[in-house]
Amino acid sequence: MKYFFLFFIFLNCTTVGFHDEKLRKSIDFGEIQKLKVCVMYEKTININEVKELELFWHNELNFYKINLEFSKIKQVDRIGFWGSEIINELNKYKLSNDCNRILYLVGREWSDIGFEFFSLGLMFGIGIKAEIQGAVEGDTNTRGYIKAKYISTLQLLFTSPKSTLVHEGYHLLGCGHALFKDECYIKINSIKKNNSKRDFFGIERVDDNYSFDNIEFLNKSLGSFRDF
């Protein structure tokens, strides 16, 4: 019983939930709506890899009648090494009707490779996972990043860029960590119903379900000033 409890806690802290197909199929998610995501990717990633990630996430969102579109894509130099640095930079970019969410794809440089092996050593040595594969800012849940390229086969045994994107993608829809997606289905359905009143794909924050549906307020709340 003790080990089952620990297993439960482990899942609850690292997953956005398993699908309940029967429940999901019983929910009417209404008309198809478009989610426009603006994407920045680093120079060690090629455009075909970006398109593969878009297709994989698109297929997941099809469950909810959401049509994903990477509406603006641009290649950039690295904006930060640590996750906090990346999020701080992303918060400077304004959302718009063409940028409902902002996603940053981290590539792999020599410094990343060294840190990756260091973090694997920590994980196997003392059980501490130092490397974070992706994150979404918690104030509005509208900007996030994933590490879109791995060098170590061991890393791919635990996760992949595609699965990380789907995980963080649920956070970008306002879903938190859980063992099953039951509450997530309800939240996505609620957001979509509110979206019928506007062009912008809104968000309900993970922590308190606060609803953001005004682009100007969203940008002002994070001090965003830069056009994508």
Foldseek 3Di string as FASTA:
>chain_A
DVVVVVVQVVQLAPFLADEDVVLLVVDDLDAAAEAAAAEEEEPQDDVVLVVVLQVLLQVVCVSNNYGYDPQHYYYDHDQDDDFVSVQLVQLQAAADLNHLAYEYEAEDDPVNQVVVVVQVCCCVPVNDRDDDQKDADQPFLRYMYGHQYDDDPVVVVPHHNNRVCNRSVLSSQAGDGDHHCNVSSVSNSVQSVVCVVDSRRWHQGNPPRNTDDDRVVSSVVSVHDHYD
